[in-house]
Protein backbone atom coordinates (compact mmCIF):
# COMPACT_ATOMS: atom_id res chain seq x y z
CA MET A 1 41.03 33.02 -31.78
CA GLY A 2 39.75 36.04 -33.69
CA ASN A 3 42.96 36.20 -35.74
CA LEU A 4 42.67 32.53 -36.57
CA ALA A 5 39.06 32.92 -37.71
CA SER A 6 40.05 35.96 -39.76
CA ASP A 7 42.91 34.09 -41.46
CA LEU A 8 40.61 31.18 -42.31
CA LEU A 9 38.11 33.56 -43.86
CA ARG A 10 40.95 35.26 -45.78
CA LEU A 11 42.01 31.81 -47.05
CA SER A 12 38.49 31.18 -48.29
CA LYS A 13 38.37 34.53 -50.09
CA TRP A 14 41.84 34.10 -51.64
CA ILE A 15 40.93 30.69 -52.99
CA GLN A 16 37.69 32.01 -54.48
CA ALA A 17 39.58 34.93 -56.06
CA ARG A 18 42.24 32.55 -57.44
CA HIS A 19 44.98 34.34 -55.53
CA ASN A 20 48.59 33.21 -56.04
CA ASP A 21 48.93 29.53 -55.04
CA GLU A 22 52.24 30.12 -53.27
CA ALA A 23 50.62 32.78 -51.09
CA ILE A 24 47.73 30.41 -50.35
CA VAL A 25 50.15 27.69 -49.23
CA HIS A 26 51.97 30.23 -47.04
CA LEU A 27 48.67 31.31 -45.46
CA MET A 28 47.73 27.66 -44.79
CA ARG A 29 51.10 27.22 -43.03
CA GLU A 30 50.43 30.32 -40.93
CA ILE A 31 46.95 29.06 -40.03
CA ALA A 32 48.36 25.68 -38.94
CA TRP A 33 50.87 27.45 -36.68
CA LEU A 34 48.17 29.70 -35.20
CA MET A 35 46.16 26.59 -34.40
CA GLU A 36 49.23 25.07 -32.75
CA TRP A 37 49.99 28.20 -30.72
CA SER A 38 46.39 28.73 -29.64
CA GLY A 39 46.87 26.18 -26.88
CA ASP A 40 43.44 24.75 -27.62
CA LEU A 41 44.70 21.66 -29.43
CA ALA A 42 43.30 19.73 -26.49
CA SER A 43 40.08 20.33 -28.38
CA PRO A 44 39.76 17.37 -30.73
CA GLU A 45 37.90 19.49 -33.27
CA LEU A 46 40.64 22.13 -33.50
CA ALA A 47 43.30 19.42 -33.79
CA ASP A 48 41.27 17.86 -36.63
CA MET A 49 41.06 21.26 -38.33
CA GLN A 50 44.83 21.68 -38.07
CA ARG A 51 45.45 18.27 -39.61
CA GLU A 52 43.00 19.03 -42.41
CA ILE A 53 44.72 22.34 -43.21
CA CYS A 54 48.11 20.58 -43.23
CA ARG A 55 46.82 17.93 -45.64
CA TRP A 56 45.42 20.61 -47.97
CA ARG A 57 48.73 22.52 -47.81
CA ARG A 58 50.77 19.47 -48.81
CA ALA A 59 48.49 18.71 -51.79
CA TRP A 60 47.86 22.29 -52.99
CA PRO A 61 47.13 23.36 -55.72
CA ILE A 62 44.22 21.12 -56.71
CA GLU A 63 42.12 23.07 -59.17
CA GLN A 64 39.00 20.92 -58.78
CA ALA A 65 39.14 21.27 -54.98
CA ARG A 66 39.14 25.07 -54.83
CA PRO A 67 35.41 25.37 -54.03
CA ILE A 68 35.63 22.62 -51.40
CA LEU A 69 38.58 24.17 -49.55
CA ALA A 70 37.02 27.65 -49.77
CA LEU A 71 33.85 26.26 -48.16
CA ARG A 72 35.77 24.31 -45.48
CA ALA A 73 37.89 27.33 -44.55
CA SER A 74 34.76 29.45 -44.19
CA GLN A 75 33.07 26.75 -42.07
CA MET A 76 36.14 26.48 -39.83
CA SER A 77 36.21 30.26 -39.40
CA ASN A 78 32.56 30.30 -38.35
CA ARG A 79 33.07 27.40 -35.94
CA ILE A 80 36.02 29.13 -34.27
CA LEU A 81 33.99 32.32 -33.93
CA GLU A 82 31.24 30.29 -32.24
CA TRP A 83 33.71 28.73 -29.77
CA SER A 84 35.33 32.03 -28.91
CA GLY A 85 32.10 33.93 -28.38
CA LEU A 86 33.35 36.64 -30.75
CA LEU A 87 30.43 36.14 -33.11
CA GLU A 88 27.96 37.57 -30.60
CA GLN A 89 30.37 40.32 -29.48
CA THR A 90 30.93 41.61 -33.02
CA THR A 91 27.21 41.78 -33.84
CA PRO A 92 25.62 43.64 -30.90
CA GLY A 93 22.36 44.34 -32.77
CA LEU A 94 21.83 40.68 -33.60
CA LYS A 95 21.12 37.55 -31.60
CA THR A 96 21.72 33.96 -32.58
CA LEU A 97 19.01 31.35 -32.85
CA ASP A 98 19.41 27.69 -31.96
CA SER A 99 19.87 26.93 -35.66
CA GLY A 100 22.89 29.22 -35.71
CA SER A 101 21.25 31.79 -37.97
CA LEU A 102 21.07 35.44 -37.01
CA LEU A 103 17.96 37.47 -36.35
CA SER A 104 17.58 41.16 -35.63
CA LYS A 105 16.46 41.91 -32.07
CA ASN A 106 13.66 43.99 -33.58
CA GLY A 107 12.22 41.19 -35.66
């Protein structure tokens, strides 16, 4: 799940940086396959994410939608990190609050 979250974050960054559209479409295809292979498509939310990525891939490029897809990809990445528990493992000096924000253990 960490690779999937990483690829979604990379997608967000590439879109923001106006990376080559063909490469973006290829990355969206890879992300959809990772979602398929994860075996967690029993999760309705992950299946919805996969369908959303596939819809974006078929319609890309849409210049006006760049900020929206960049935001959605980042949100999906964060959600997958939450599911996997990797978010807490990768930030040992931080703890999460109920709101999902991070706070230093010292303050």
